[in-house]
Amino acid sequence: PLYNLDLTIQEKIEKIAKEIYGADG
């Protein structure tokens, strides 16, 4: 999977936004 489950909700959202959608933040 892309992210680990021990990340916070915010961290998971940020990882998806940056790596999948190409967002800066």
PDBML (XML) file of the C-alpha atoms, coordinates in Angstrom:
<?xml version="1.0" encoding="UTF-8" ?>
<PDBx:datablock datablockName="MODEL"
   xmlns:PDBx="http://pdbml.pdb.org/schema/pdbx-v50.xsd"
   xmlns:xsi="http://www.w3.org/2001/XMLSchema-instance"
   xsi:schemaLocation="http://pdbml.pdb.org/schema/pdbx-v50.xsd pdbx-v50.xsd">
   <PDBx:atom_siteCategory>
      <PDBx:atom_site id="1">
         <PDBx:B_iso_or_equiv>0.00</PDBx:B_iso_or_equiv>
         <PDBx:Cartn_x>0.000</PDBx:Cartn_x>
         <PDBx:Cartn_y>0.000</PDBx:Cartn_y>
         <PDBx:Cartn_z>0.000</PDBx:Cartn_z>
         <PDBx:auth_asym_id>A</PDBx:auth_asym_id>
         <PDBx:auth_atom_id>CA</PDBx:auth_atom_id>
         <PDBx:auth_comp_id>PRO</PDBx:auth_comp_id>
         <PDBx:auth_seq_id>1</PDBx:auth_seq_id>
         <PDBx:group_PDB>ATOM</PDBx:group_PDB>
         <PDBx:label_alt_id xsi:nil="true" />
         <PDBx:label_asym_id>A</PDBx:label_asym_id>
         <PDBx:label_atom_id>CA</PDBx:label_atom_id>
         <PDBx:label_comp_id>PRO</PDBx:label_comp_id>
         <PDBx:label_entity_id>1</PDBx:label_entity_id>
         <PDBx:label_seq_id>1</PDBx:label_seq_id>
         <PDBx:occupancy>1.00</PDBx:occupancy>
         <PDBx:pdbx_PDB_model_num>1</PDBx:pdbx_PDB_model_num>
         <PDBx:type_symbol>C</PDBx:type_symbol>
      </PDBx:atom_site>
      <PDBx:atom_site id="2">
         <PDBx:B_iso_or_equiv>0.00</PDBx:B_iso_or_equiv>
         <PDBx:Cartn_x>0.940</PDBx:Cartn_x>
         <PDBx:Cartn_y>3.643</PDBx:Cartn_y>
         <PDBx:Cartn_z>-0.470</PDBx:Cartn_z>
         <PDBx:auth_asym_id>A</PDBx:auth_asym_id>
         <PDBx:auth_atom_id>CA</PDBx:auth_atom_id>
         <PDBx:auth_comp_id>LEU</PDBx:auth_comp_id>
         <PDBx:auth_seq_id>2</PDBx:auth_seq_id>
         <PDBx:group_PDB>ATOM</PDBx:group_PDB>
         <PDBx:label_alt_id xsi:nil="true" />
         <PDBx:label_asym_id>A</PDBx:label_asym_id>
         <PDBx:label_atom_id>CA</PDBx:label_atom_id>
         <PDBx:label_comp_id>LEU</PDBx:label_comp_id>
         <PDBx:label_entity_id>1</PDBx:label_entity_id>
         <PDBx:label_seq_id>2</PDBx:label_seq_id>
         <PDBx:occupancy>1.00</PDBx:occupancy>
         <PDBx:pdbx_PDB_model_num>1</PDBx:pdbx_PDB_model_num>
         <PDBx:type_symbol>C</PDBx:type_symbol>
      </PDBx:atom_site>
      <PDBx:atom_site id="3">
         <PDBx:B_iso_or_equiv>0.00</PDBx:B_iso_or_equiv>
         <PDBx:Cartn_x>0.760</PDBx:Cartn_x>
         <PDBx:Cartn_y>4.686</PDBx:Cartn_y>
         <PDBx:Cartn_z>3.181</PDBx:Cartn_z>
         <PDBx:auth_asym_id>A</PDBx:auth_asym_id>
         <PDBx:auth_atom_id>CA</PDBx:auth_atom_id>
         <PDBx:auth_comp_id>TYR</PDBx:auth_comp_id>
         <PDBx:auth_seq_id>3</PDBx:auth_seq_id>
         <PDBx:group_PDB>ATOM</PDBx:group_PDB>
         <PDBx:label_alt_id xsi:nil="true" />
         <PDBx:label_asym_id>A</PDBx:label_asym_id>
         <PDBx:label_atom_id>CA</PDBx:label_atom_id>
         <PDBx:label_comp_id>TYR</PDBx:label_comp_id>
         <PDBx:label_entity_id>1</PDBx:label_entity_id>
         <PDBx:label_seq_id>3</PDBx:label_seq_id>
         <PDBx:occupancy>1.00</PDBx:occupancy>
         <PDBx:pdbx_PDB_model_num>1</PDBx:pdbx_PDB_model_num>
         <PDBx:type_symbol>C</PDBx:type_symbol>
      </PDBx:atom_site>
      <PDBx:atom_site id="4">
         <PDBx:B_iso_or_equiv>0.00</PDBx:B_iso_or_equiv>
         <PDBx:Cartn_x>1.268</PDBx:Cartn_x>
         <PDBx:Cartn_y>3.083</PDBx:Cartn_y>
         <PDBx:Cartn_z>6.577</PDBx:Cartn_z>
         <PDBx:auth_asym_id>A</PDBx:auth_asym_id>
         <PDBx:auth_atom_id>CA</PDBx:auth_atom_id>
         <PDBx:auth_comp_id>ASN</PDBx:auth_comp_id>
         <PDBx:auth_seq_id>4</PDBx:auth_seq_id>
         <PDBx:group_PDB>ATOM</PDBx:group_PDB>
         <PDBx:label_alt_id xsi:nil="true" />
         <PDBx:label_asym_id>A</PDBx:label_asym_id>
         <PDBx:label_atom_id>CA</PDBx:label_atom_id>
         <PDBx:label_comp_id>ASN</PDBx:label_comp_id>
         <PDBx:label_entity_id>1</PDBx:label_entity_id>
         <PDBx:label_seq_id>4</PDBx:label_seq_id>
         <PDBx:occupancy>1.00</PDBx:occupancy>
         <PDBx:pdbx_PDB_model_num>1</PDBx:pdbx_PDB_model_num>
         <PDBx:type_symbol>C</PDBx:type_symbol>
      </PDBx:atom_site>
      <PDBx:atom_site id="5">
         <PDBx:B_iso_or_equiv>0.00</PDBx:B_iso_or_equiv>
         <PDBx:Cartn_x>-1.649</PDBx:Cartn_x>
         <PDBx:Cartn_y>2.721</PDBx:Cartn_y>
         <PDBx:Cartn_z>8.970</PDBx:Cartn_z>
         <PDBx:auth_asym_id>A</PDBx:auth_asym_id>
         <PDBx:auth_atom_id>CA</PDBx:auth_atom_id>
         <PDBx:auth_comp_id>LEU</PDBx:auth_comp_id>
         <PDBx:auth_seq_id>5</PDBx:auth_seq_id>
         <PDBx:group_PDB>ATOM</PDBx:group_PDB>
         <PDBx:label_alt_id xsi:nil="true" />
         <PDBx:label_asym_id>A</PDBx:label_asym_id>
         <PDBx:label_atom_id>CA</PDBx:label_atom_id>
         <PDBx:label_comp_id>LEU</PDBx:label_comp_id>
         <PDBx:label_entity_id>1</PDBx:label_entity_id>
         <PDBx:label_seq_id>5</PDBx:label_seq_id>
         <PDBx:occupancy>1.00</PDBx:occupancy>
         <PDBx:pdbx_PDB_model_num>1</PDBx:pdbx_PDB_model_num>
         <PDBx:type_symbol>C</PDBx:type_symbol>
      </PDBx:atom_site>
      <PDBx:atom_site id="6">
         <PDBx:B_iso_or_equiv>0.00</PDBx:B_iso_or_equiv>
         <PDBx:Cartn_x>0.141</PDBx:Cartn_x>
         <PDBx:Cartn_y>4.395</PDBx:Cartn_y>
         <PDBx:Cartn_z>11.871</PDBx:Cartn_z>
         <PDBx:auth_asym_id>A</PDBx:auth_asym_id>
         <PDBx:auth_atom_id>CA</PDBx:auth_atom_id>
         <PDBx:auth_comp_id>ASP</PDBx:auth_comp_id>
         <PDBx:auth_seq_id>6</PDBx:auth_seq_id>
         <PDBx:group_PDB>ATOM</PDBx:group_PDB>
         <PDBx:label_alt_id xsi:nil="true" />
         <PDBx:label_asym_id>A</PDBx:label_asym_id>
         <PDBx:label_atom_id>CA</PDBx:label_atom_id>
         <PDBx:label_comp_id>ASP</PDBx:label_comp_id>
         <PDBx:label_entity_id>1</PDBx:label_entity_id>
         <PDBx:label_seq_id>6</PDBx:label_seq_id>
         <PDBx:occupancy>1.00</PDBx:occupancy>
         <PDBx:pdbx_PDB_model_num>1</PDBx:pdbx_PDB_model_num>
         <PDBx:type_symbol>C</PDBx:type_symbol>
      </PDBx:atom_site>
      <PDBx:atom_site id="7">
         <PDBx:B_iso_or_equiv>0.00</PDBx:B_iso_or_equiv>
         <PDBx:Cartn_x>0.115</PDBx:Cartn_x>
         <PDBx:Cartn_y>7.763</PDBx:Cartn_y>
         <PDBx:Cartn_z>10.086</PDBx:Cartn_z>
         <PDBx:auth_asym_id>A</PDBx:auth_asym_id>
         <PDBx:auth_atom_id>CA</PDBx:auth_atom_id>
         <PDBx:auth_comp_id>LEU</PDBx:auth_comp_id>
         <PDBx:auth_seq_id>7</PDBx:auth_seq_id>
         <PDBx:group_PDB>ATOM</PDBx:group_PDB>
         <PDBx:label_alt_id xsi:nil="true" />
         <PDBx:label_asym_id>A</PDBx:label_asym_id>
         <PDBx:label_atom_id>CA</PDBx:label_atom_id>
         <PDBx:label_comp_id>LEU</PDBx:label_comp_id>
         <PDBx:label_entity_id>1</PDBx:label_entity_id>
         <PDBx:label_seq_id>7</PDBx:label_seq_id>
         <PDBx:occupancy>1.00</PDBx:occupancy>
         <PDBx:pdbx_PDB_model_num>1</PDBx:pdbx_PDB_model_num>
         <PDBx:type_symbol>C</PDBx:type_symbol>
      </PDBx:atom_site>
      <PDBx:atom_site id="8">
         <PDBx:B_iso_or_equiv>0.00</PDBx:B_iso_or_equiv>
         <PDBx:Cartn_x>-2.395</PDBx:Cartn_x>
         <PDBx:Cartn_y>10.380</PDBx:Cartn_y>
         <PDBx:Cartn_z>11.202</PDBx:Cartn_z>
         <PDBx:auth_asym_id>A</PDBx:auth_asym_id>
         <PDBx:auth_atom_id>CA</PDBx:auth_atom_id>
         <PDBx:auth_comp_id>THR</PDBx:auth_comp_id>
         <PDBx:auth_seq_id>8</PDBx:auth_seq_id>
         <PDBx:group_PDB>ATOM</PDBx:group_PDB>
         <PDBx:label_alt_id xsi:nil="true" />
         <PDBx:label_asym_id>A</PDBx:label_asym_id>
         <PDBx:label_atom_id>CA</PDBx:label_atom_id>
         <PDBx:label_comp_id>THR</PDBx:label_comp_id>
         <PDBx:label_entity_id>1</PDBx:label_entity_id>
         <PDBx:label_seq_id>8</PDBx:label_seq_id>
         <PDBx:occupancy>1.00</PDBx:occupancy>
         <PDBx:pdbx_PDB_model_num>1</PDBx:pdbx_PDB_model_num>
         <PDBx:type_symbol>C</PDBx:type_symbol>
      </PDBx:atom_site>
      <PDBx:atom_site id="9">
         <PDBx:B_iso_or_equiv>0.00</PDBx:B_iso_or_equiv>
         <PDBx:Cartn_x>-5.434</PDBx:Cartn_x>
         <PDBx:Cartn_y>11.115</PDBx:Cartn_y>
         <PDBx:Cartn_z>9.032</PDBx:Cartn_z>
         <PDBx:auth_asym_id>A</PDBx:auth_asym_id>
         <PDBx:auth_atom_id>CA</PDBx:auth_atom_id>
         <PDBx:auth_comp_id>ILE</PDBx:auth_comp_id>
         <PDBx:auth_seq_id>9</PDBx:auth_seq_id>
         <PDBx:group_PDB>ATOM</PDBx:group_PDB>
         <PDBx:label_alt_id xsi:nil="true" />
         <PDBx:label_asym_id>A</PDBx:label_asym_id>
         <PDBx:label_atom_id>CA</PDBx:label_atom_id>
         <PDBx:label_comp_id>ILE</PDBx:label_comp_id>
         <PDBx:label_entity_id>1</PDBx:label_entity_id>
         <PDBx:label_seq_id>9</PDBx:label_seq_id>
         <PDBx:occupancy>1.00</PDBx:occupancy>
         <PDBx:pdbx_PDB_model_num>1</PDBx:pdbx_PDB_model_num>
         <PDBx:type_symbol>C</PDBx:type_symbol>
      </PDBx:atom_site>
      <PDBx:atom_site id="10">
         <PDBx:B_iso_or_equiv>0.00</PDBx:B_iso_or_equiv>
         <PDBx:Cartn_x>-3.817</PDBx:Cartn_x>
         <PDBx:Cartn_y>14.357</PDBx:Cartn_y>
         <PDBx:Cartn_z>7.924</PDBx:Cartn_z>
         <PDBx:auth_asym_id>A</PDBx:auth_asym_id>
         <PDBx:auth_atom_id>CA</PDBx:auth_atom_id>
         <PDBx:auth_comp_id>GLN</PDBx:auth_comp_id>
         <PDBx:auth_seq_id>10</PDBx:auth_seq_id>
         <PDBx:group_PDB>ATOM</PDBx:group_PDB>
         <PDBx:label_alt_id xsi:nil="true" />
         <PDBx:label_asym_id>A</PDBx:label_asym_id>
         <PDBx:label_atom_id>CA</PDBx:label_atom_id>
         <PDBx:label_comp_id>GLN</PDBx:label_comp_id>
         <PDBx:label_entity_id>1</PDBx:label_entity_id>
         <PDBx:label_seq_id>10</PDBx:label_seq_id>
         <PDBx:occupancy>1.00</PDBx:occupancy>
         <PDBx:pdbx_PDB_model_num>1</PDBx:pdbx_PDB_model_num>
         <PDBx:type_symbol>C</PDBx:type_symbol>
      </PDBx:atom_site>
      <PDBx:atom_site id="11">
         <PDBx:B_iso_or_equiv>0.00</PDBx:B_iso_or_equiv>
         <PDBx:Cartn_x>-0.588</PDBx:Cartn_x>
         <PDBx:Cartn_y>12.571</PDBx:Cartn_y>
         <PDBx:Cartn_z>6.978</PDBx:Cartn_z>
         <PDBx:auth_asym_id>A</PDBx:auth_asym_id>
         <PDBx:auth_atom_id>CA</PDBx:auth_atom_id>
         <PDBx:auth_comp_id>GLU</PDBx:auth_comp_id>
         <PDBx:auth_seq_id>11</PDBx:auth_seq_id>
         <PDBx:group_PDB>ATOM</PDBx:group_PDB>
         <PDBx:label_alt_id xsi:nil="true" />
         <PDBx:label_asym_id>A</PDBx:label_asym_id>
         <PDBx:label_atom_id>CA</PDBx:label_atom_id>
         <PDBx:label_comp_id>GLU</PDBx:label_comp_id>
         <PDBx:label_entity_id>1</PDBx:label_entity_id>
         <PDBx:label_seq_id>11</PDBx:label_seq_id>
         <PDBx:occupancy>1.00</PDBx:occupancy>
         <PDBx:pdbx_PDB_model_num>1</PDBx:pdbx_PDB_model_num>
         <PDBx:type_symbol>C</PDBx:type_symbol>
      </PDBx:atom_site>
      <PDBx:atom_site id="12">
         <PDBx:B_iso_or_equiv>0.00</PDBx:B_iso_or_equiv>
         <PDBx:Cartn_x>-2.452</PDBx:Cartn_x>
         <PDBx:Cartn_y>9.952</PDBx:Cartn_y>
         <PDBx:Cartn_z>4.957</PDBx:Cartn_z>
         <PDBx:auth_asym_id>A</PDBx:auth_asym_id>
         <PDBx:auth_atom_id>CA</PDBx:auth_atom_id>
         <PDBx:auth_comp_id>LYS</PDBx:auth_comp_id>
         <PDBx:auth_seq_id>12</PDBx:auth_seq_id>
         <PDBx:group_PDB>ATOM</PDBx:group_PDB>
         <PDBx:label_alt_id xsi:nil="true" />
         <PDBx:label_asym_id>A</PDBx:label_asym_id>
         <PDBx:label_atom_id>CA</PDBx:label_atom_id>
         <PDBx:label_comp_id>LYS</PDBx:label_comp_id>
         <PDBx:label_entity_id>1</PDBx:label_entity_id>
         <PDBx:label_seq_id>12</PDBx:label_seq_id>
         <PDBx:occupancy>1.00</PDBx:occupancy>
         <PDBx:pdbx_PDB_model_num>1</PDBx:pdbx_PDB_model_num>
         <PDBx:type_symbol>C</PDBx:type_symbol>
      </PDBx:atom_site>
      <PDBx:atom_site id="13">
         <PDBx:B_iso_or_equiv>0.00</PDBx:B_iso_or_equiv>
         <PDBx:Cartn_x>-4.405</PDBx:Cartn_x>
         <PDBx:Cartn_y>12.633</PDBx:Cartn_y>
         <PDBx:Cartn_z>3.083</PDBx:Cartn_z>
         <PDBx:auth_asym_id>A</PDBx:auth_asym_id>
         <PDBx:auth_atom_id>CA</PDBx:auth_atom_id>
         <PDBx:auth_comp_id>ILE</PDBx:auth_comp_id>
         <PDBx:auth_seq_id>13</PDBx:auth_seq_id>
         <PDBx:group_PDB>ATOM</PDBx:group_PDB>
         <PDBx:label_alt_id xsi:nil="true" />
         <PDBx:label_asym_id>A</PDBx:label_asym_id>
         <PDBx:label_atom_id>CA</PDBx:label_atom_id>
         <PDBx:label_comp_id>ILE</PDBx:label_comp_id>
         <PDBx:label_entity_id>1</PDBx:label_entity_id>
         <PDBx:label_seq_id>13</PDBx:label_seq_id>
         <PDBx:occupancy>1.00</PDBx:occupancy>
         <PDBx:pdbx_PDB_model_num>1</PDBx:pdbx_PDB_model_num>
         <PDBx:type_symbol>C</PDBx:type_symbol>
      </PDBx:atom_site>
      <PDBx:atom_site id="14">
         <PDBx:B_iso_or_equiv>0.00</PDBx:B_iso_or_equiv>
         <PDBx:Cartn_x>-1.223</PDBx:Cartn_x>
         <PDBx:Cartn_y>14.596</PDBx:Cartn_y>
         <PDBx:Cartn_z>2.380</PDBx:Cartn_z>
         <PDBx:auth_asym_id>A</PDBx:auth_asym_id>
         <PDBx:auth_atom_id>CA</PDBx:auth_atom_id>
         <PDBx:auth_comp_id>GLU</PDBx:auth_comp_id>
         <PDBx:auth_seq_id>14</PDBx:auth_seq_id>
         <PDBx:group_PDB>ATOM</PDBx:group_PDB>
         <PDBx:label_alt_id xsi:nil="true" />
         <PDBx:label_asym_id>A</PDBx:label_asym_id>
         <PDBx:label_atom_id>CA</PDBx:label_atom_id>
         <PDBx:label_comp_id>GLU</PDBx:label_comp_id>
         <PDBx:label_entity_id>1</PDBx:label_entity_id>
         <PDBx:label_seq_id>14</PDBx:label_seq_id>
         <PDBx:occupancy>1.00</PDBx:occupancy>
         <PDBx:pdbx_PDB_model_num>1</PDBx:pdbx_PDB_model_num>
         <PDBx:type_symbol>C</PDBx:type_symbol>
      </PDBx:atom_site>
      <PDBx:atom_site id="15">
         <PDBx:B_iso_or_equiv>0.00</PDBx:B_iso_or_equiv>
         <PDBx:Cartn_x>0.577</PDBx:Cartn_x>
         <PDBx:Cartn_y>11.502</PDBx:Cartn_y>
         <PDBx:Cartn_z>1.061</PDBx:Cartn_z>
         <PDBx:auth_asym_id>A</PDBx:auth_asym_id>
         <PDBx:auth_atom_id>CA</PDBx:auth_atom_id>
         <PDBx:auth_comp_id>LYS</PDBx:auth_comp_id>
         <PDBx:auth_seq_id>15</PDBx:auth_seq_id>
         <PDBx:group_PDB>ATOM</PDBx:group_PDB>
         <PDBx:label_alt_id xsi:nil="true" />
         <PDBx:label_asym_id>A</PDBx:label_asym_id>
         <PDBx:label_atom_id>CA</PDBx:label_atom_id>
         <PDBx:label_comp_id>LYS</PDBx:label_comp_id>
         <PDBx:label_entity_id>1</PDBx:label_entity_id>
         <PDBx:label_seq_id>15</PDBx:label_seq_id>
         <PDBx:occupancy>1.00</PDBx:occupancy>
         <PDBx:pdbx_PDB_model_num>1</PDBx:pdbx_PDB_model_num>
         <PDBx:type_symbol>C</PDBx:type_symbol>
      </PDBx:atom_site>
      <PDBx:atom_site id="16">
         <PDBx:B_iso_or_equiv>0.00</PDBx:B_iso_or_equiv>
         <PDBx:Cartn_x>-2.283</PDBx:Cartn_x>
         <PDBx:Cartn_y>10.659</PDBx:Cartn_y>
         <PDBx:Cartn_z>-1.312</PDBx:Cartn_z>
         <PDBx:auth_asym_id>A</PDBx:auth_asym_id>
         <PDBx:auth_atom_id>CA</PDBx:auth_atom_id>
         <PDBx:auth_comp_id>ILE</PDBx:auth_comp_id>
         <PDBx:auth_seq_id>16</PDBx:auth_seq_id>
         <PDBx:group_PDB>ATOM</PDBx:group_PDB>
         <PDBx:label_alt_id xsi:nil="true" />
         <PDBx:label_asym_id>A</PDBx:label_asym_id>
         <PDBx:label_atom_id>CA</PDBx:label_atom_id>
         <PDBx:label_comp_id>ILE</PDBx:label_comp_id>
         <PDBx:label_entity_id>1</PDBx:label_entity_id>
         <PDBx:label_seq_id>16</PDBx:label_seq_id>
         <PDBx:occupancy>1.00</PDBx:occupancy>
         <PDBx:pdbx_PDB_model_num>1</PDBx:pdbx_PDB_model_num>
         <PDBx:type_symbol>C</PDBx:type_symbol>
      </PDBx:atom_site>
      <PDBx:atom_site id="17">
         <PDBx:B_iso_or_equiv>0.00</PDBx:B_iso_or_equiv>
         <PDBx:Cartn_x>-2.621</PDBx:Cartn_x>
         <PDBx:Cartn_y>14.283</PDBx:Cartn_y>
         <PDBx:Cartn_z>-2.445</PDBx:Cartn_z>
         <PDBx:auth_asym_id>A</PDBx:auth_asym_id>
         <PDBx:auth_atom_id>CA</PDBx:auth_atom_id>
         <PDBx:auth_comp_id>ALA</PDBx:auth_comp_id>
         <PDBx:auth_seq_id>17</PDBx:auth_seq_id>
         <PDBx:group_PDB>ATOM</PDBx:group_PDB>
         <PDBx:label_alt_id xsi:nil="true" />
         <PDBx:label_asym_id>A</PDBx:label_asym_id>
         <PDBx:label_atom_id>CA</PDBx:label_atom_id>
         <PDBx:label_comp_id>ALA</PDBx:label_comp_id>
         <PDBx:label_entity_id>1</PDBx:label_entity_id>
         <PDBx:label_seq_id>17</PDBx:label_seq_id>
         <PDBx:occupancy>1.00</PDBx:occupancy>
         <PDBx:pdbx_PDB_model_num>1</PDBx:pdbx_PDB_model_num>
         <PDBx:type_symbol>C</PDBx:type_symbol>
      </PDBx:atom_site>
      <PDBx:atom_site id="18">
         <PDBx:B_iso_or_equiv>0.00</PDBx:B_iso_or_equiv>
         <PDBx:Cartn_x>1.098</PDBx:Cartn_x>
         <PDBx:Cartn_y>14.643</PDBx:Cartn_y>
         <PDBx:Cartn_z>-3.166</PDBx:Cartn_z>
         <PDBx:auth_asym_id>A</PDBx:auth_asym_id>
         <PDBx:auth_atom_id>CA</PDBx:auth_atom_id>
         <PDBx:auth_comp_id>LYS</PDBx:auth_comp_id>
         <PDBx:auth_seq_id>18</PDBx:auth_seq_id>
         <PDBx:group_PDB>ATOM</PDBx:group_PDB>
         <PDBx:label_alt_id xsi:nil="true" />
         <PDBx:label_asym_id>A</PDBx:label_asym_id>
         <PDBx:label_atom_id>CA</PDBx:label_atom_id>
         <PDBx:label_comp_id>LYS</PDBx:label_comp_id>
         <PDBx:label_entity_id>1</PDBx:label_entity_id>
         <PDBx:label_seq_id>18</PDBx:label_seq_id>
         <PDBx:occupancy>1.00</PDBx:occupancy>
         <PDBx:pdbx_PDB_model_num>1</PDBx:pdbx_PDB_model_num>
         <PDBx:type_symbol>C</PDBx:type_symbol>
      </PDBx:atom_site>
      <PDBx:atom_site id="19">
         <PDBx:B_iso_or_equiv>0.00</PDBx:B_iso_or_equiv>
         <PDBx:Cartn_x>1.933</PDBx:Cartn_x>
         <PDBx:Cartn_y>11.234</PDBx:Cartn_y>
         <PDBx:Cartn_z>-4.645</PDBx:Cartn_z>
         <PDBx:auth_asym_id>A</PDBx:auth_asym_id>
         <PDBx:auth_atom_id>CA</PDBx:auth_atom_id>
         <PDBx:auth_comp_id>GLU</PDBx:auth_comp_id>
         <PDBx:auth_seq_id>19</PDBx:auth_seq_id>
         <PDBx:group_PDB>ATOM</PDBx:group_PDB>
         <PDBx:label_alt_id xsi:nil="true" />
         <PDBx:label_asym_id>A</PDBx:label_asym_id>
         <PDBx:label_atom_id>CA</PDBx:label_atom_id>
         <PDBx:label_comp_id>GLU</PDBx:label_comp_id>
         <PDBx:label_entity_id>1</PDBx:label_entity_id>
         <PDBx:label_seq_id>19</PDBx:label_seq_id>
         <PDBx:occupancy>1.00</PDBx:occupancy>
         <PDBx:pdbx_PDB_model_num>1</PDBx:pdbx_PDB_model_num>
         <PDBx:type_symbol>C</PDBx:type_symbol>
      </PDBx:atom_site>
      <PDBx:atom_site id="20">
         <PDBx:B_iso_or_equiv>0.00</PDBx:B_iso_or_equiv>
         <PDBx:Cartn_x>-1.291</PDBx:Cartn_x>
         <PDBx:Cartn_y>10.408</PDBx:Cartn_y>
         <PDBx:Cartn_z>-6.519</PDBx:Cartn_z>
         <PDBx:auth_asym_id>A</PDBx:auth_asym_id>
         <PDBx:auth_atom_id>CA</PDBx:auth_atom_id>
         <PDBx:auth_comp_id>ILE</PDBx:auth_comp_id>
         <PDBx:auth_seq_id>20</PDBx:auth_seq_id>
         <PDBx:group_PDB>ATOM</PDBx:group_PDB>
         <PDBx:label_alt_id xsi:nil="true" />
         <PDBx:label_asym_id>A</PDBx:label_asym_id>
         <PDBx:label_atom_id>CA</PDBx:label_atom_id>
         <PDBx:label_comp_id>ILE</PDBx:label_comp_id>
         <PDBx:label_entity_id>1</PDBx:label_entity_id>
         <PDBx:label_seq_id>20</PDBx:label_seq_id>
         <PDBx:occupancy>1.00</PDBx:occupancy>
         <PDBx:pdbx_PDB_model_num>1</PDBx:pdbx_PDB_model_num>
         <PDBx:type_symbol>C</PDBx:type_symbol>
      </PDBx:atom_site>
      <PDBx:atom_site id="21">
         <PDBx:B_iso_or_equiv>0.00</PDBx:B_iso_or_equiv>
         <PDBx:Cartn_x>-2.731</PDBx:Cartn_x>
         <PDBx:Cartn_y>13.839</PDBx:Cartn_y>
         <PDBx:Cartn_z>-7.394</PDBx:Cartn_z>
         <PDBx:auth_asym_id>A</PDBx:auth_asym_id>
         <PDBx:auth_atom_id>CA</PDBx:auth_atom_id>
         <PDBx:auth_comp_id>TYR</PDBx:auth_comp_id>
         <PDBx:auth_seq_id>21</PDBx:auth_seq_id>
         <PDBx:group_PDB>ATOM</PDBx:group_PDB>
         <PDBx:label_alt_id xsi:nil="true" />
         <PDBx:label_asym_id>A</PDBx:label_asym_id>
         <PDBx:label_atom_id>CA</PDBx:label_atom_id>
         <PDBx:label_comp_id>TYR</PDBx:label_comp_id>
         <PDBx:label_entity_id>1</PDBx:label_entity_id>
         <PDBx:label_seq_id>21</PDBx:label_seq_id>
         <PDBx:occupancy>1.00</PDBx:occupancy>
         <PDBx:pdbx_PDB_model_num>1</PDBx:pdbx_PDB_model_num>
         <PDBx:type_symbol>C</PDBx:type_symbol>
      </PDBx:atom_site>
      <PDBx:atom_site id="22">
         <PDBx:B_iso_or_equiv>0.00</PDBx:B_iso_or_equiv>
         <PDBx:Cartn_x>0.539</PDBx:Cartn_x>
         <PDBx:Cartn_y>15.761</PDBx:Cartn_y>
         <PDBx:Cartn_z>-7.695</PDBx:Cartn_z>
         <PDBx:auth_asym_id>A</PDBx:auth_asym_id>
         <PDBx:auth_atom_id>CA</PDBx:auth_atom_id>
         <PDBx:auth_comp_id>GLY</PDBx:auth_comp_id>
         <PDBx:auth_seq_id>22</PDBx:auth_seq_id>
         <PDBx:group_PDB>ATOM</PDBx:group_PDB>
         <PDBx:label_alt_id xsi:nil="true" />
         <PDBx:label_asym_id>A</PDBx:label_asym_id>
         <PDBx:label_atom_id>CA</PDBx:label_atom_id>
         <PDBx:label_comp_id>GLY</PDBx:label_comp_id>
         <PDBx:label_entity_id>1</PDBx:label_entity_id>
         <PDBx:label_seq_id>22</PDBx:label_seq_id>
         <PDBx:occupancy>1.00</PDBx:occupancy>
         <PDBx:pdbx_PDB_model_num>1</PDBx:pdbx_PDB_model_num>
         <PDBx:type_symbol>C</PDBx:type_symbol>
      </PDBx:atom_site>
      <PDBx:atom_site id="23">
         <PDBx:B_iso_or_equiv>0.00</PDBx:B_iso_or_equiv>
         <PDBx:Cartn_x>-0.363</PDBx:Cartn_x>
         <PDBx:Cartn_y>18.398</PDBx:Cartn_y>
         <PDBx:Cartn_z>-5.096</PDBx:Cartn_z>
         <PDBx:auth_asym_id>A</PDBx:auth_asym_id>
         <PDBx:auth_atom_id>CA</PDBx:auth_atom_id>
         <PDBx:auth_comp_id>ALA</PDBx:auth_comp_id>
         <PDBx:auth_seq_id>23</PDBx:auth_seq_id>
         <PDBx:group_PDB>ATOM</PDBx:group_PDB>
         <PDBx:label_alt_id xsi:nil="true" />
         <PDBx:label_asym_id>A</PDBx:label_asym_id>
         <PDBx:label_atom_id>CA</PDBx:label_atom_id>
         <PDBx:label_comp_id>ALA</PDBx:label_comp_id>
         <PDBx:label_entity_id>1</PDBx:label_entity_id>
         <PDBx:label_seq_id>23</PDBx:label_seq_id>
         <PDBx:occupancy>1.00</PDBx:occupancy>
         <PDBx:pdbx_PDB_model_num>1</PDBx:pdbx_PDB_model_num>
         <PDBx:type_symbol>C</PDBx:type_symbol>
      </PDBx:atom_site>
      <PDBx:atom_site id="24">
         <PDBx:B_iso_or_equiv>0.00</PDBx:B_iso_or_equiv>
         <PDBx:Cartn_x>2.299</PDBx:Cartn_x>
         <PDBx:Cartn_y>20.525</PDBx:Cartn_y>
         <PDBx:Cartn_z>-3.398</PDBx:Cartn_z>
         <PDBx:auth_asym_id>A</PDBx:auth_asym_id>
         <PDBx:auth_atom_id>CA</PDBx:auth_atom_id>
         <PDBx:auth_comp_id>ASP</PDBx:auth_comp_id>
         <PDBx:auth_seq_id>24</PDBx:auth_seq_id>
         <PDBx:group_PDB>ATOM</PDBx:group_PDB>
         <PDBx:label_alt_id xsi:nil="true" />
         <PDBx:label_asym_id>A</PDBx:label_asym_id>
         <PDBx:label_atom_id>CA</PDBx:label_atom_id>
         <PDBx:label_comp_id>ASP</PDBx:label_comp_id>
         <PDBx:label_entity_id>1</PDBx:label_entity_id>
         <PDBx:label_seq_id>24</PDBx:label_seq_id>
         <PDBx:occupancy>1.00</PDBx:occupancy>
         <PDBx:pdbx_PDB_model_num>1</PDBx:pdbx_PDB_model_num>
         <PDBx:type_symbol>C</PDBx:type_symbol>
      </PDBx:atom_site>
      <PDBx:atom_site id="25">
         <PDBx:B_iso_or_equiv>0.00</PDBx:B_iso_or_equiv>
         <PDBx:Cartn_x>0.532</PDBx:Cartn_x>
         <PDBx:Cartn_y>20.198</PDBx:Cartn_y>
         <PDBx:Cartn_z>-0.075</PDBx:Cartn_z>
         <PDBx:auth_asym_id>A</PDBx:auth_asym_id>
         <PDBx:auth_atom_id>CA</PDBx:auth_atom_id>
         <PDBx:auth_comp_id>GLY</PDBx:auth_comp_id>
         <PDBx:auth_seq_id>25</PDBx:auth_seq_id>
         <PDBx:group_PDB>ATOM</PDBx:group_PDB>
         <PDBx:label_alt_id xsi:nil="true" />
         <PDBx:label_asym_id>A</PDBx:label_asym_id>
         <PDBx:label_atom_id>CA</PDBx:label_atom_id>
         <PDBx:label_comp_id>GLY</PDBx:label_comp_id>
         <PDBx:label_entity_id>1</PDBx:label_entity_id>
         <PDBx:label_seq_id>25</PDBx:label_seq_id>
         <PDBx:occupancy>1.00</PDBx:occupancy>
         <PDBx:pdbx_PDB_model_num>1</PDBx:pdbx_PDB_model_num>
         <PDBx:type_symbol>C</PDBx:type_symbol>
      </PDBx:atom_site>
   </PDBx:atom_siteCategory>
</PDBx:datablock>
